[in-house]
Amino acid sequence: MNGLFRLTLVLILTALTATGAYAEESGVKPDARPEFDLEHGTVLLNSGYTMPINGLGTYSLHGDECVNSVKAALECGVRLIDTASAYGNEQEVGQAIREAIAEGTVQREDVFVITKIYPGSEMANPEESIQACLDRLDLGYVDMMLLHHPDPNDVSAYHAMEQFVRDGKIHSLGLSNWYVEELTEFLSQVEIMPALVQNEIHPYYQENDVIPFIQNHDIVVQGWYPLGGRGHTTELLGDATINEIAQAHGVSAAQVILRWNLQKGVVVIPGSSNPDHIRENAQLYHFSLTDDEMARINALDRGEKHDWY
């Protein structure tokens, strides 16, 4: 299948999915939830593209540390890299991926890159902001672009991203920090259904009302701060329940938390600059949690949000 034909097919399927026509014709229920392939570590997006379900978050990574961390992730099999204009590290992320390609570690099509444009001036001037992300990454195209937060210009900014999809410069679209009320208002105003919504999700803030709402729209959920986030990771990784489960499986507390997310249908993007931690955070497919263990972690929910958005 050549690139032009694939792009055309993806655009047709995306448009039909957004209107519900594809679901009706294919026999798939409109509220069908995306299913994770835990054998291969992937999920099929409503845009027609396949996305890894574990990756590396780069929020706090800059300079050589960012380049080295992304390359370390790629070397140990991670194929999903999350960045954003607001992180100020798109150039380093792009550099790391280009170097990994040149070194034979990966091919461009193997790596799924997510970036985001920010509210305010970026969403007020979306075409310029989107192109700037593409230029900084310098990878030919972006696998997925998100709106970073709701904004008065978010619908028009999303429409601009839709045009970049039609032009083949972006493959899939999504949203970050959108909840039930925001999604209900937003989805009816766009043409291409978001393929992903990225929100804060961890055992102390589980979003058990929001996750099914998103998934029932055939949208994949991705969790940032899966290990609790700044100033809270130590407490979460030290949780007695999580550590008891970890000991039973011979894995780390971080691996238990990340696996819990995957079994809930939530993509994980833990951040780290430590190569050993990056490797460990990617080793999530050699064990599984029982229903009882999942229930015990579900019972830890405090509704405790660790960042404002």
Protein backbone atom coordinates (compact mmCIF):
# COMPACT_ATOMS: atom_id res chain seq x y z
CA MET A 1 0.00 0.00 0.00
CA ASN A 2 1.65 3.26 -1.09
CA GLY A 3 1.75 6.31 1.16
CA LEU A 4 -0.82 8.36 -0.76
CA PHE A 5 -3.33 5.51 -0.84
CA ARG A 6 -2.86 4.83 2.88
CA LEU A 7 -3.32 8.51 3.74
CA THR A 8 -6.51 8.67 1.65
CA LEU A 9 -7.87 5.55 3.32
CA VAL A 10 -7.04 6.85 6.79
CA LEU A 11 -8.77 10.17 6.09
CA ILE A 12 -11.88 8.37 4.84
CA LEU A 13 -12.00 6.08 7.87
CA THR A 14 -11.38 8.99 10.21
CA ALA A 15 -14.21 11.02 8.74
CA LEU A 16 -16.58 8.06 8.85
CA THR A 17 -15.61 7.26 12.41
CA ALA A 18 -16.26 10.86 13.43
CA THR A 19 -19.78 10.72 12.00
CA GLY A 20 -20.54 7.23 13.25
CA ALA A 21 -21.10 5.96 9.69
CA TYR A 22 -18.09 3.67 9.71
CA ALA A 23 -19.18 2.11 12.98
CA GLU A 24 -22.63 1.44 11.58
CA GLU A 25 -21.39 -0.03 8.31
CA SER A 26 -18.70 -2.19 9.93
CA GLY A 27 -20.97 -3.54 12.62
CA VAL A 28 -18.81 -2.02 15.35
CA LYS A 29 -20.86 -0.41 18.09
CA PRO A 30 -20.39 3.37 18.33
CA ASP A 31 -19.34 2.95 21.98
CA ALA A 32 -16.79 0.21 21.24
CA ARG A 33 -13.70 0.64 23.41
CA PRO A 34 -10.18 0.49 21.98
CA GLU A 35 -8.60 -2.86 22.82
CA PHE A 36 -4.98 -3.12 23.87
CA ASP A 37 -2.86 -5.84 22.29
CA LEU A 38 -0.86 -6.77 25.38
CA GLU A 39 1.07 -9.39 23.41
CA HIS A 40 2.57 -6.80 21.08
CA GLY A 41 2.22 -3.72 23.30
CA THR A 42 0.10 -1.74 20.85
CA VAL A 43 -3.36 -0.33 20.25
CA LEU A 44 -5.14 0.44 16.98
CA LEU A 45 -6.26 4.07 16.94
CA ASN A 46 -9.50 5.26 15.37
CA SER A 47 -7.30 7.09 12.83
CA GLY A 48 -6.13 3.75 11.44
CA TYR A 49 -2.61 3.95 12.87
CA THR A 50 -1.09 1.61 15.45
CA MET A 51 0.39 3.19 18.57
CA PRO A 52 2.62 1.65 21.26
CA ILE A 53 0.98 1.55 24.70
CA ASN A 54 4.08 2.31 26.74
CA GLY A 55 6.53 5.11 26.12
CA LEU A 56 8.78 7.81 27.49
CA GLY A 57 7.55 11.16 28.78
CA THR A 58 10.08 13.96 28.29
CA TYR A 59 8.51 16.77 30.34
CA SER A 60 11.56 17.44 32.52
CA LEU A 61 14.29 16.42 30.05
CA HIS A 62 16.51 19.01 28.35
CA GLY A 63 19.80 19.28 26.48
CA ASP A 64 22.09 16.26 26.34
CA GLU A 65 20.10 14.59 29.12
CA CYS A 66 17.05 14.60 26.84
CA VAL A 67 18.97 13.30 23.83
CA ASN A 68 20.58 10.52 25.86
CA SER A 69 17.32 9.53 27.57
CA VAL A 70 15.38 9.28 24.32
CA LYS A 71 18.16 7.23 22.73
CA ALA A 72 18.32 4.97 25.79
CA ALA A 73 14.57 4.42 25.52
CA LEU A 74 14.79 3.57 21.84
CA GLU A 75 17.68 1.19 22.47
CA CYS A 76 15.64 -0.81 24.98
CA GLY A 77 12.63 -1.11 22.71
CA VAL A 78 10.51 1.91 23.64
CA ARG A 79 8.80 3.23 20.51
CA LEU A 80 6.52 5.98 21.88
CA ILE A 81 8.03 9.37 22.72
CA ASP A 82 5.91 12.19 24.18
CA THR A 83 6.97 15.83 23.99
CA ALA A 84 5.36 19.27 23.61
CA SER A 85 6.15 22.75 22.47
CA ALA A 86 5.84 23.90 26.08
CA TYR A 87 8.51 21.44 27.22
CA GLY A 88 11.13 23.31 25.19
CA ASN A 89 12.81 20.08 24.08
CA GLU A 90 11.36 19.20 20.67
CA GLN A 91 14.70 19.87 18.99
CA GLU A 92 16.49 17.46 21.33
CA VAL A 93 13.81 14.80 20.88
CA GLY A 94 14.08 15.10 17.11
CA GLN A 95 17.88 15.02 17.28
CA ALA A 96 17.84 11.85 19.40
CA ILE A 97 15.50 10.06 17.00
CA ARG A 98 17.49 11.13 13.94
CA GLU A 99 20.71 9.91 15.58
CA ALA A 100 19.06 6.60 16.47
CA ILE A 101 17.94 6.23 12.87
CA ALA A 102 21.44 7.00 11.58
CA GLU A 103 22.91 4.46 14.01
CA GLY A 104 20.51 1.76 12.83
CA THR A 105 18.61 1.47 16.12
CA VAL A 106 15.23 2.31 14.57
CA GLN A 107 13.59 3.42 11.37
CA ARG A 108 11.43 6.54 11.32
CA GLU A 109 8.21 4.54 10.88
CA ASP A 110 9.03 2.53 14.01
CA VAL A 111 8.83 5.55 16.33
CA PHE A 112 5.53 7.14 17.37
CA VAL A 113 6.09 10.80 18.28
CA ILE A 114 3.50 12.90 20.10
CA THR A 115 3.77 16.67 20.52
CA LYS A 116 1.39 19.44 21.58
CA ILE A 117 0.63 23.10 21.02
CA TYR A 118 -0.11 25.29 24.03
CA PRO A 119 -3.00 27.69 24.83
CA GLY A 120 -2.59 31.41 24.35
CA SER A 121 -0.48 32.66 21.48
CA GLU A 122 0.17 29.21 20.03
CA MET A 123 -3.53 28.38 19.64
CA ALA A 124 -4.26 31.93 18.50
CA ASN A 125 -1.77 31.39 15.64
CA PRO A 126 -2.14 27.64 15.08
CA GLU A 127 -0.76 27.23 11.56
CA GLU A 128 2.49 28.95 12.54
CA SER A 129 2.68 27.04 15.85
CA ILE A 130 2.04 23.65 14.26
CA GLN A 131 4.66 24.22 11.59
CA ALA A 132 7.12 25.35 14.25
CA CYS A 133 6.68 22.01 16.06
CA LEU A 134 7.28 20.14 12.82
CA ASP A 135 10.38 22.22 12.10
CA ARG A 136 11.85 21.75 15.56
CA LEU A 137 11.33 17.98 15.49
CA ASP A 138 12.55 17.74 11.87
CA LEU A 139 11.28 14.18 11.42
CA GLY A 140 9.27 14.63 8.24
CA TYR A 141 5.91 14.24 9.95
CA VAL A 142 4.41 13.99 13.43
CA ASP A 143 2.56 10.83 14.41
CA MET A 144 0.18 12.69 16.70
CA MET A 145 -0.42 16.28 17.74
CA LEU A 146 -2.49 17.32 20.75
CA LEU A 147 -4.02 20.50 22.03
CA HIS A 148 -2.28 20.86 25.40
CA HIS A 149 -5.22 22.40 27.34
CA PRO A 150 -8.66 23.82 26.57
CA ASP A 151 -8.52 27.41 25.31
CA PRO A 152 -10.92 29.93 23.77
CA ASN A 153 -9.25 29.19 20.41
CA ASP A 154 -9.08 25.43 20.81
CA VAL A 155 -11.67 24.54 18.16
CA SER A 156 -10.10 26.76 15.50
CA ALA A 157 -6.65 25.45 16.46
CA TYR A 158 -7.92 21.89 16.10
CA HIS A 159 -9.35 22.72 12.67
CA ALA A 160 -5.88 23.92 11.69
CA MET A 161 -4.42 20.61 12.85
CA GLU A 162 -7.05 18.81 10.78
CA GLN A 163 -5.71 20.54 7.67
CA PHE A 164 -2.19 19.36 8.51
CA VAL A 165 -3.60 15.81 8.68
CA ARG A 166 -5.10 16.26 5.22
CA ASP A 167 -1.71 17.49 4.02
CA GLY A 168 -0.01 14.38 5.41
CA LYS A 169 2.16 16.25 7.91
CA ILE A 170 0.32 14.88 10.98
CA HIS A 171 -1.13 11.38 11.17
CA SER A 172 -3.44 11.51 14.20
CA LEU A 173 -4.93 14.14 16.49
CA GLY A 174 -5.72 14.28 20.19
CA LEU A 175 -6.32 16.33 23.29
CA SER A 176 -4.62 16.75 26.65
CA ASN A 177 -6.38 17.69 29.88
CA TRP A 178 -9.90 17.34 28.52
CA TYR A 179 -12.60 15.92 30.77
CA VAL A 180 -16.25 14.97 30.37
CA GLU A 181 -17.74 18.46 30.18
CA GLU A 182 -15.03 19.77 27.87
CA LEU A 183 -15.23 16.74 25.58
CA THR A 184 -19.01 16.86 25.37
CA GLU A 185 -18.86 20.43 24.10
CA PHE A 186 -15.79 19.95 21.90
CA LEU A 187 -16.43 16.76 19.91
CA SER A 188 -19.47 18.04 18.05
CA GLN A 189 -17.44 20.95 16.66
CA VAL A 190 -14.64 19.03 14.92
CA GLU A 191 -14.46 16.88 11.82
CA ILE A 192 -11.71 14.39 12.70
CA MET A 193 -12.41 12.46 15.87
CA PRO A 194 -9.56 12.75 18.39
CA ALA A 195 -7.66 9.46 18.58
CA LEU A 196 -6.36 10.03 22.12
CA VAL A 197 -7.01 12.01 25.29
CA GLN A 198 -4.10 12.43 27.70
CA ASN A 199 -4.87 13.20 31.36
CA GLU A 200 -3.28 12.83 34.80
CA ILE A 201 -3.91 9.25 35.94
CA HIS A 202 -2.27 7.28 38.75
CA PRO A 203 -3.48 5.09 41.66
CA TYR A 204 -4.19 8.12 43.86
CA TYR A 205 -6.10 9.90 41.04
CA GLN A 206 -7.80 7.30 38.90
CA GLU A 207 -10.43 9.17 36.85
CA ASN A 208 -12.72 6.16 36.96
CA ASP A 209 -15.64 8.24 35.71
CA VAL A 210 -13.68 9.95 32.92
CA ILE A 211 -11.81 6.95 31.45
CA PRO A 212 -14.93 4.97 30.38
CA PHE A 213 -16.50 8.11 28.92
CA ILE A 214 -13.47 8.65 26.70
CA GLN A 215 -13.09 5.00 25.76
CA ASN A 216 -16.77 4.69 24.87
CA HIS A 217 -16.10 7.24 22.12
CA ASP A 218 -13.45 4.90 20.64
CA ILE A 219 -10.77 7.25 21.91
CA VAL A 220 -7.63 5.90 23.58
CA VAL A 221 -6.74 7.19 27.05
CA GLN A 222 -3.16 8.05 27.95
CA GLY A 223 -1.99 8.85 31.46
CA TRP A 224 0.63 11.43 32.36
CA TYR A 225 2.16 11.33 35.85
CA PRO A 226 1.53 7.56 35.97
CA LEU A 227 3.97 7.28 38.90
CA GLY A 228 2.47 10.22 40.81
CA GLY A 229 4.42 13.15 39.44
CA ARG A 230 6.72 15.73 40.91
CA GLY A 231 7.01 15.51 44.70
CA HIS A 232 4.69 12.50 44.94
CA THR A 233 6.56 9.64 43.29
CA THR A 234 8.34 8.52 46.46
CA GLU A 235 5.08 8.21 48.39
CA LEU A 236 3.32 6.31 45.61
CA LEU A 237 6.23 3.93 44.98
CA GLY A 238 6.39 3.32 48.74
CA ASP A 239 2.71 2.42 49.03
CA ALA A 240 2.38 -0.79 51.09
CA THR A 241 -0.33 -2.34 48.92
CA ILE A 242 1.60 -1.75 45.70
CA ASN A 243 4.82 -3.11 47.19
CA GLU A 244 3.11 -6.24 48.47
CA ILE A 245 1.79 -6.92 44.97
CA ALA A 246 5.21 -6.15 43.48
CA GLN A 247 6.90 -8.68 45.77
CA ALA A 248 4.40 -11.34 44.77
CA HIS A 249 5.40 -10.92 41.12
CA GLY A 250 9.10 -10.25 41.61
CA VAL A 251 8.84 -6.83 39.96
CA SER A 252 9.17 -3.21 41.07
CA ALA A 253 6.42 -0.98 42.43
CA ALA A 254 6.74 1.16 39.30
CA GLN A 255 6.16 -1.87 37.07
CA VAL A 256 3.03 -2.80 39.05
CA ILE A 257 1.60 0.69 38.67
CA LEU A 258 2.34 0.83 34.96
CA ARG A 259 0.90 -2.65 34.39
CA TRP A 260 -2.23 -1.65 36.35
CA ASN A 261 -2.68 1.23 33.90
CA LEU A 262 -2.27 -1.02 30.88
CA GLN A 263 -4.84 -3.49 32.18
CA LYS A 264 -7.25 -0.56 32.64
CA GLY A 265 -6.68 0.40 29.00
CA VAL A 266 -4.50 3.42 29.78
CA VAL A 267 -1.32 4.13 27.80
CA VAL A 268 1.64 5.03 30.03
CA ILE A 269 4.45 7.52 29.42
CA PRO A 270 6.63 7.55 32.54
CA GLY A 271 9.47 10.04 32.48
CA SER A 272 13.03 9.25 33.51
CA SER A 273 16.62 10.13 32.69
CA ASN A 274 17.97 6.97 34.33
CA PRO A 275 18.66 4.27 31.70
CA ASP A 276 17.99 1.49 34.22
CA HIS A 277 14.63 2.99 35.17
CA ILE A 278 13.75 3.57 31.52
CA ARG A 279 14.47 -0.09 30.78
CA GLU A 280 12.54 -1.30 33.83
CA ASN A 281 9.54 0.89 32.96
CA ALA A 282 9.35 -0.81 29.57
CA GLN A 283 9.36 -4.37 30.95
CA LEU A 284 5.64 -4.71 31.54
CA TYR A 285 4.58 -7.71 29.51
CA HIS A 286 6.06 -10.70 31.35
CA PHE A 287 3.53 -10.62 34.20
CA SER A 288 -0.10 -9.71 34.75
CA LEU A 289 -2.15 -8.60 37.73
CA THR A 290 -5.04 -10.68 39.01
CA ASP A 291 -8.55 -9.30 39.34
CA ASP A 292 -8.04 -9.15 43.10
CA GLU A 293 -4.78 -7.22 42.72
CA MET A 294 -6.42 -4.79 40.31
CA ALA A 295 -9.25 -4.27 42.80
CA ARG A 296 -6.79 -3.63 45.65
CA ILE A 297 -5.05 -0.91 43.61
CA ASN A 298 -8.40 0.51 42.52
CA ALA A 299 -9.24 0.91 46.21
CA LEU A 300 -6.28 3.29 46.65
CA ASP A 301 -8.04 6.11 44.78
CA ARG A 302 -8.03 9.35 46.80
CA GLY A 303 -9.18 11.73 44.09
CA GLU A 304 -5.82 13.37 44.75
CA LYS A 305 -4.78 15.44 41.74
CA HIS A 306 -1.10 16.34 41.72
CA ASP A 307 -1.12 19.15 39.17
CA TRP A 308 -3.54 21.96 38.41
CA TYR A 309 -4.58 21.08 34.88
